[in-house]
Amino acid sequence: MNNASALDGQLSDVLSNTGALVFYLIVWALVFAGTAVFLGVFIPFITGDSLLFGSGLVAASTTNLDIVVLAVGTGLAAFLGDQVGFLLGRHYGRSYLDRRGGPRTRAAVVRTEGFYRSFGWWSVVIARFIPWARVFVPVIAGVGRMNYYKFLSSNLVGAVAWGVGLTLTGYFAAAIPGVKSAAYVIAGVFIAASIVFGLRTWLAERAERA
């Protein structure tokens, strides 16, 4: 709960120091960069579930933010981030992924290929809720030459379910009396899981390169 409370406070500070427009842009940029430029590999706890949930909590606590604008913009940023990842995979192929990191990252790519083969269309939707899969599945779908319109539809469903859904979950959890404490617990679980994954990846990559 303390971690979730801290995140809520940090996002509130960002809002008070920058204003609503910059707040929107920061959240959307982080969501987009999480998959478009692989930022989510290294800092999933900043670009993933906890960011969306926390921004919803903040929106519920102030009149300066419009939850519809925040949620729709977050969904659009998630959609565009995956589109970029897909196009990178389609145009540059597997060699592009092999250059993105050390053995740990390449192992994650192999695991993602198996995940993609197992779930097909649904892999893009399910991956939204799995930190490592969220980053790599769009690119793997591009490498695997997934039909563009199938990817477009699965990406849209995933972006709405994850980007819009989690933001609204945070907002309504905080807005309903008596539910805010539970919301902090849920957000704390998201944050803890993402931090553990991020630290494991960073430490493993550092050890392998050494």
Protein backbone atom coordinates (compact mmCIF):
# COMPACT_ATOMS: atom_id res chain seq x y z
CA MET A 1 0.00 0.00 0.00
CA ASN A 2 2.88 2.35 0.78
CA ASN A 3 4.27 1.98 -2.75
CA ALA A 4 0.88 2.75 -4.28
CA SER A 5 0.40 5.73 -2.00
CA ALA A 6 3.85 7.01 -2.99
CA LEU A 7 3.03 6.69 -6.68
CA ASP A 8 -0.28 8.48 -6.19
CA GLY A 9 1.57 11.27 -4.38
CA GLN A 10 4.26 11.55 -7.05
CA LEU A 11 1.71 11.78 -9.84
CA SER A 12 -0.22 14.37 -7.86
CA ASP A 13 3.00 16.38 -7.50
CA VAL A 14 3.56 16.17 -11.26
CA LEU A 15 0.05 17.50 -11.84
CA SER A 16 0.43 20.37 -9.38
CA ASN A 17 3.85 21.35 -10.73
CA THR A 18 3.14 21.10 -14.45
CA GLY A 19 -0.59 21.44 -15.04
CA ALA A 20 -3.14 19.16 -16.68
CA LEU A 21 -1.85 19.33 -20.27
CA VAL A 22 1.72 18.35 -19.38
CA PHE A 23 0.40 15.63 -17.06
CA TYR A 24 -1.60 14.12 -19.92
CA LEU A 25 1.40 14.29 -22.24
CA ILE A 26 3.77 12.67 -19.73
CA VAL A 27 1.42 9.75 -19.09
CA TRP A 28 0.70 9.23 -22.78
CA ALA A 29 4.38 9.52 -23.75
CA LEU A 30 5.42 6.89 -21.18
CA VAL A 31 2.69 4.50 -22.30
CA PHE A 32 3.69 4.96 -25.95
CA ALA A 33 7.42 4.60 -25.28
CA GLY A 34 6.87 1.47 -23.18
CA THR A 35 6.35 -0.59 -26.33
CA ALA A 36 7.40 1.65 -29.23
CA VAL A 37 11.01 2.10 -28.06
CA PHE A 38 11.28 -0.87 -25.63
CA LEU A 39 11.32 1.38 -22.55
CA GLY A 40 9.07 -1.14 -20.83
CA VAL A 41 11.88 -3.72 -20.82
CA PHE A 42 13.90 -1.63 -18.38
CA ILE A 43 11.30 0.29 -16.37
CA PRO A 44 7.97 -1.58 -16.61
CA PHE A 45 6.86 -0.13 -13.26
CA ILE A 46 6.90 3.39 -14.80
CA THR A 47 5.37 2.55 -18.18
CA GLY A 48 2.93 -0.20 -17.20
CA ASP A 49 -0.07 -1.08 -15.05
CA SER A 50 0.86 1.04 -12.05
CA LEU A 51 1.12 4.20 -14.16
CA LEU A 52 -2.35 3.71 -15.60
CA PHE A 53 -3.93 2.79 -12.27
CA GLY A 54 -2.17 5.65 -10.49
CA SER A 55 -3.19 8.24 -13.08
CA GLY A 56 -6.80 7.13 -12.63
CA LEU A 57 -6.48 7.58 -8.87
CA VAL A 58 -5.14 11.09 -9.36
CA ALA A 59 -7.90 11.99 -11.82
CA ALA A 60 -10.48 10.98 -9.21
CA SER A 61 -8.93 13.28 -6.62
CA THR A 62 -8.96 16.50 -8.65
CA THR A 63 -11.20 18.52 -10.93
CA ASN A 64 -8.23 19.55 -13.09
CA LEU A 65 -8.19 16.28 -15.04
CA ASP A 66 -10.89 14.94 -17.32
CA ILE A 67 -11.00 11.16 -16.91
CA VAL A 68 -12.45 10.70 -20.41
CA VAL A 69 -9.57 12.63 -21.99
CA LEU A 70 -7.01 10.80 -19.85
CA ALA A 71 -8.41 7.31 -20.49
CA VAL A 72 -9.03 7.74 -24.23
CA GLY A 73 -5.60 9.34 -24.72
CA THR A 74 -3.94 6.51 -22.79
CA GLY A 75 -5.70 3.91 -24.92
CA LEU A 76 -4.63 5.73 -28.10
CA ALA A 77 -1.00 5.97 -26.89
CA ALA A 78 -1.01 2.23 -26.14
CA PHE A 79 -2.47 1.49 -29.57
CA LEU A 80 0.08 3.63 -31.41
CA GLY A 81 2.99 2.21 -29.39
CA ASP A 82 2.12 -1.33 -30.45
CA GLN A 83 1.61 -0.24 -34.05
CA VAL A 84 5.15 1.14 -34.11
CA GLY A 85 6.50 -2.08 -32.58
CA PHE A 86 4.67 -4.16 -35.18
CA LEU A 87 6.00 -2.09 -38.08
CA LEU A 88 9.55 -2.27 -36.72
CA GLY A 89 9.31 -6.05 -36.57
CA ARG A 90 7.83 -6.29 -40.06
CA HIS A 91 10.41 -4.02 -41.71
CA TYR A 92 13.57 -4.94 -39.80
CA GLY A 93 12.93 -8.56 -38.84
CA ARG A 94 14.40 -10.77 -36.13
CA SER A 95 17.87 -9.22 -36.48
CA TYR A 96 16.43 -5.97 -35.11
CA LEU A 97 15.39 -7.74 -31.91
CA ASP A 98 18.70 -9.53 -31.55
CA ARG A 99 20.46 -6.16 -31.45
CA ARG A 100 18.22 -4.75 -28.68
CA GLY A 101 20.01 -6.32 -25.70
CA GLY A 102 22.01 -9.13 -24.17
CA PRO A 103 21.31 -12.85 -23.81
CA ARG A 104 18.51 -12.22 -21.31
CA THR A 105 16.59 -10.11 -23.80
CA ARG A 106 17.15 -12.66 -26.56
CA ALA A 107 15.83 -15.38 -24.25
CA ALA A 108 12.74 -13.25 -23.65
CA VAL A 109 12.31 -12.96 -27.42
CA VAL A 110 12.39 -16.76 -27.80
CA ARG A 111 9.84 -17.13 -25.02
CA THR A 112 7.65 -14.49 -26.66
CA GLU A 113 7.77 -16.33 -29.99
CA GLY A 114 6.38 -19.42 -28.27
CA PHE A 115 3.72 -17.31 -26.56
CA TYR A 116 2.73 -15.78 -29.89
CA ARG A 117 2.52 -19.15 -31.62
CA SER A 118 0.34 -20.53 -28.82
CA PHE A 119 -2.20 -17.71 -28.65
CA GLY A 120 -2.12 -16.09 -32.10
CA TRP A 121 -4.62 -13.21 -32.34
CA TRP A 122 -5.25 -13.29 -28.59
CA SER A 123 -1.55 -13.00 -27.77
CA VAL A 124 -1.64 -9.25 -28.55
CA VAL A 125 -4.58 -8.77 -26.17
CA ILE A 126 -3.27 -10.99 -23.36
CA ALA A 127 0.23 -9.51 -23.63
CA ARG A 128 -1.05 -6.12 -22.50
CA PHE A 129 -1.28 -7.48 -18.96
CA ILE A 130 2.13 -9.22 -18.91
CA PRO A 131 5.16 -6.87 -18.59
CA TRP A 132 7.66 -8.79 -20.78
CA ALA A 133 5.05 -9.85 -23.34
CA ARG A 134 3.65 -6.32 -23.65
CA VAL A 135 6.99 -5.14 -25.02
CA PHE A 136 7.89 -7.99 -27.37
CA VAL A 137 4.65 -9.45 -28.75
CA PRO A 138 3.91 -6.56 -31.18
CA VAL A 139 7.38 -6.85 -32.70
CA ILE A 140 7.18 -10.65 -32.85
CA ALA A 141 3.81 -10.32 -34.59
CA GLY A 142 5.51 -8.10 -37.18
CA VAL A 143 8.43 -10.49 -37.58
CA GLY A 144 5.97 -13.36 -37.99
CA ARG A 145 4.14 -11.45 -40.74
CA MET A 146 0.82 -11.49 -38.90
CA ASN A 147 -1.97 -10.20 -41.13
CA TYR A 148 -2.00 -6.44 -40.67
CA TYR A 149 -5.75 -6.14 -40.19
CA LYS A 150 -5.80 -8.98 -37.67
CA PHE A 151 -3.08 -7.22 -35.71
CA LEU A 152 -4.96 -3.93 -36.01
CA SER A 153 -8.09 -5.43 -34.49
CA SER A 154 -6.29 -7.31 -31.70
CA ASN A 155 -4.23 -4.23 -30.89
CA LEU A 156 -7.39 -2.12 -30.67
CA VAL A 157 -9.06 -4.59 -28.30
CA GLY A 158 -5.94 -4.82 -26.13
CA ALA A 159 -5.43 -1.06 -26.01
CA VAL A 160 -9.02 -0.47 -24.92
CA ALA A 161 -9.02 -3.30 -22.34
CA TRP A 162 -5.65 -2.30 -20.85
CA GLY A 163 -5.14 1.40 -21.54
CA VAL A 164 -8.71 2.60 -21.07
CA GLY A 165 -9.79 -0.19 -18.71
CA LEU A 166 -7.03 0.10 -16.09
CA THR A 167 -7.20 3.90 -16.07
CA LEU A 168 -10.95 3.80 -15.46
CA THR A 169 -10.47 1.10 -12.82
CA GLY A 170 -8.17 3.37 -10.84
CA TYR A 171 -10.57 6.29 -11.24
CA PHE A 172 -13.72 4.48 -10.13
CA ALA A 173 -11.95 2.57 -7.37
CA ALA A 174 -10.89 5.89 -5.83
CA ALA A 175 -14.20 7.65 -6.53
CA ILE A 176 -16.40 5.05 -4.80
CA PRO A 177 -16.50 5.62 -0.99
CA GLY A 178 -14.82 2.89 1.02
CA VAL A 179 -12.94 1.41 -1.95
CA LYS A 180 -9.86 3.62 -2.04
CA SER A 181 -7.86 1.48 0.44
CA ALA A 182 -8.51 -1.60 -1.68
CA ALA A 183 -7.45 0.38 -4.75
CA TYR A 184 -4.10 1.13 -3.12
CA VAL A 185 -3.59 -2.56 -2.32
CA ILE A 186 -4.31 -3.54 -5.94
CA ALA A 187 -2.00 -0.83 -7.27
CA GLY A 188 0.67 -1.94 -4.79
CA VAL A 189 0.57 -5.47 -6.20
CA PHE A 190 0.94 -4.11 -9.75
CA ILE A 191 3.88 -1.93 -8.71
CA ALA A 192 5.65 -4.64 -6.73
CA ALA A 193 5.41 -7.16 -9.54
CA SER A 194 6.67 -4.66 -12.10
CA ILE A 195 9.58 -3.54 -9.91
CA VAL A 196 10.68 -7.15 -9.31
CA PHE A 197 10.54 -7.90 -13.06
CA GLY A 198 12.46 -4.73 -13.93
CA LEU A 199 15.20 -5.32 -11.36
CA ARG A 200 15.60 -8.97 -12.38
CA THR A 201 15.99 -8.01 -16.03
CA TRP A 202 18.45 -5.18 -15.29
CA LEU A 203 20.61 -7.27 -12.93
CA ALA A 204 20.64 -10.25 -15.29
CA GLU A 205 21.61 -8.13 -18.28
CA ARG A 206 24.39 -6.45 -16.25
CA ALA A 207 25.78 -9.78 -15.05
CA GLU A 208 25.73 -11.34 -18.51
CA ARG A 209 27.49 -8.36 -20.09
CA ALA A 210 30.14 -8.40 -17.35
